[in-house]
Amino acid sequence: MAFVYLALAIVAEVVATSALKAAEGFTRPGPSLVVVVGYGLAFFLLSLVLRSLPVGIAYAIWAGLGIVLVTVAGVLVYGEMPDLPAMVGIAMIVTGVVVIQLFSRVAGH
């Protein structure tokens, strides 16, 4: 169940982070509400994950996949295309998450 909670936490964080730009410094109520609720839900779900996964592993997966998905959202929603160095860096983040999942004994699989 920890990985289901982790996936939901990542989705909530990505939605909240994507809405953060639209909130325009919390001057727009709708996107601002999405940010607050999204981050609240993300951290609540992450706290459930931490019952069974080590904090470092859970956070690495949460942050790594969140970075990738927020970048995709930035491209799709805001037209923010990453350059080659950014894409290489993101690929390295994904590689790190895969290494953790495949080879770490503390990853909880």
Protein backbone atom coordinates (compact mmCIF):
# COMPACT_ATOMS: atom_id res chain seq x y z
CA MET A 1 0.00 0.00 0.00
CA ALA A 2 2.97 2.33 0.57
CA PHE A 3 3.66 2.64 -3.15
CA VAL A 4 0.00 3.46 -3.87
CA TYR A 5 0.17 6.26 -1.28
CA LEU A 6 3.49 7.38 -2.72
CA ALA A 7 2.06 7.54 -6.25
CA LEU A 8 -0.92 9.55 -5.00
CA ALA A 9 1.40 11.87 -3.05
CA ILE A 10 3.45 12.47 -6.19
CA VAL A 11 0.33 13.27 -8.23
CA ALA A 12 -0.94 15.67 -5.55
CA GLU A 13 2.43 17.41 -5.38
CA VAL A 14 2.66 17.73 -9.17
CA VAL A 15 -0.84 19.21 -9.38
CA ALA A 16 -0.05 21.65 -6.55
CA THR A 17 3.29 22.69 -8.02
CA SER A 18 1.78 23.15 -11.47
CA ALA A 19 -0.97 25.33 -9.98
CA LEU A 20 1.60 27.40 -8.08
CA LYS A 21 2.52 29.32 -11.24
CA ALA A 22 -1.14 29.91 -12.09
CA ALA A 23 -1.75 31.19 -8.54
CA GLU A 24 0.39 34.23 -9.42
CA GLY A 25 1.74 34.83 -5.93
CA PHE A 26 -1.50 33.63 -4.32
CA THR A 27 -3.45 36.47 -5.94
CA ARG A 28 -5.81 34.09 -7.78
CA PRO A 29 -8.13 32.20 -5.39
CA GLY A 30 -8.86 29.09 -7.50
CA PRO A 31 -5.28 28.08 -8.27
CA SER A 32 -4.24 29.14 -4.74
CA LEU A 33 -6.76 26.71 -3.26
CA VAL A 34 -5.44 23.93 -5.52
CA VAL A 35 -1.91 24.65 -4.25
CA VAL A 36 -2.85 24.53 -0.56
CA VAL A 37 -5.07 21.44 -0.85
CA GLY A 38 -2.60 19.67 -3.17
CA TYR A 39 0.40 20.19 -0.91
CA GLY A 40 -1.62 19.29 2.18
CA LEU A 41 -2.74 16.04 0.58
CA ALA A 42 0.75 15.32 -0.74
CA PHE A 43 2.37 15.66 2.68
CA PHE A 44 -0.39 13.71 4.40
CA LEU A 45 0.05 10.82 1.95
CA LEU A 46 3.82 11.03 2.25
CA SER A 47 3.47 10.71 6.02
CA LEU A 48 1.56 7.45 5.47
CA VAL A 49 4.32 6.21 3.19
CA LEU A 50 6.89 6.86 5.90
CA ARG A 51 5.24 4.25 8.12
CA SER A 52 6.80 1.54 5.97
CA LEU A 53 9.54 3.11 3.81
CA PRO A 54 12.69 4.89 4.96
CA VAL A 55 12.40 8.66 4.68
CA GLY A 56 15.41 9.00 2.37
CA ILE A 57 14.15 6.42 -0.09
CA ALA A 58 10.56 7.70 -0.07
CA TYR A 59 11.66 11.29 -0.51
CA ALA A 60 14.12 10.44 -3.30
CA ILE A 61 11.37 8.71 -5.26
CA TRP A 62 8.80 11.41 -4.46
CA ALA A 63 11.07 14.29 -5.39
CA GLY A 64 12.66 12.60 -8.41
CA LEU A 65 9.42 11.58 -10.07
CA GLY A 66 7.86 14.88 -9.07
CA ILE A 67 10.62 16.78 -10.89
CA VAL A 68 10.08 14.76 -14.04
CA LEU A 69 6.29 15.12 -13.97
CA VAL A 70 6.38 18.84 -13.15
CA THR A 71 8.72 19.32 -16.10
CA VAL A 72 6.24 17.48 -18.34
CA ALA A 73 3.41 19.61 -16.95
CA GLY A 74 5.47 22.74 -17.62
CA VAL A 75 5.86 21.70 -21.25
CA LEU A 76 2.19 20.78 -21.71
CA VAL A 77 0.54 23.55 -19.69
CA TYR A 78 2.94 26.47 -19.92
CA GLY A 79 4.99 25.70 -23.06
CA GLU A 80 8.24 25.68 -21.05
CA MET A 81 10.57 23.50 -23.10
CA PRO A 82 13.68 22.29 -21.20
CA ASP A 83 17.00 22.58 -22.98
CA LEU A 84 19.44 19.71 -23.52
CA PRO A 85 21.33 20.09 -20.21
CA ALA A 86 18.01 20.09 -18.33
CA MET A 87 16.89 16.93 -20.13
CA VAL A 88 20.21 15.22 -19.36
CA GLY A 89 19.85 16.17 -15.69
CA ILE A 90 16.28 14.87 -15.59
CA ALA A 91 17.43 11.61 -17.21
CA MET A 92 20.03 11.29 -14.46
CA ILE A 93 17.31 11.79 -11.82
CA VAL A 94 15.20 9.05 -13.43
CA THR A 95 18.23 6.78 -13.52
CA GLY A 96 18.79 7.37 -9.81
CA VAL A 97 15.19 6.47 -8.97
CA VAL A 98 15.44 3.31 -11.09
CA VAL A 99 18.69 2.30 -9.37
CA ILE A 100 17.08 2.78 -5.96
CA GLN A 101 14.06 0.72 -6.97
CA LEU A 102 16.02 -2.11 -8.57
CA PHE A 103 19.05 -2.44 -6.34
CA SER A 104 18.44 -0.90 -2.91
CA ARG A 105 17.56 -3.34 -0.14
CA VAL A 106 15.90 -0.55 1.84
CA ALA A 107 13.49 0.43 -0.95
CA GLY A 108 10.82 -1.79 0.53
CA HIS A 109 10.09 -4.16 -2.34
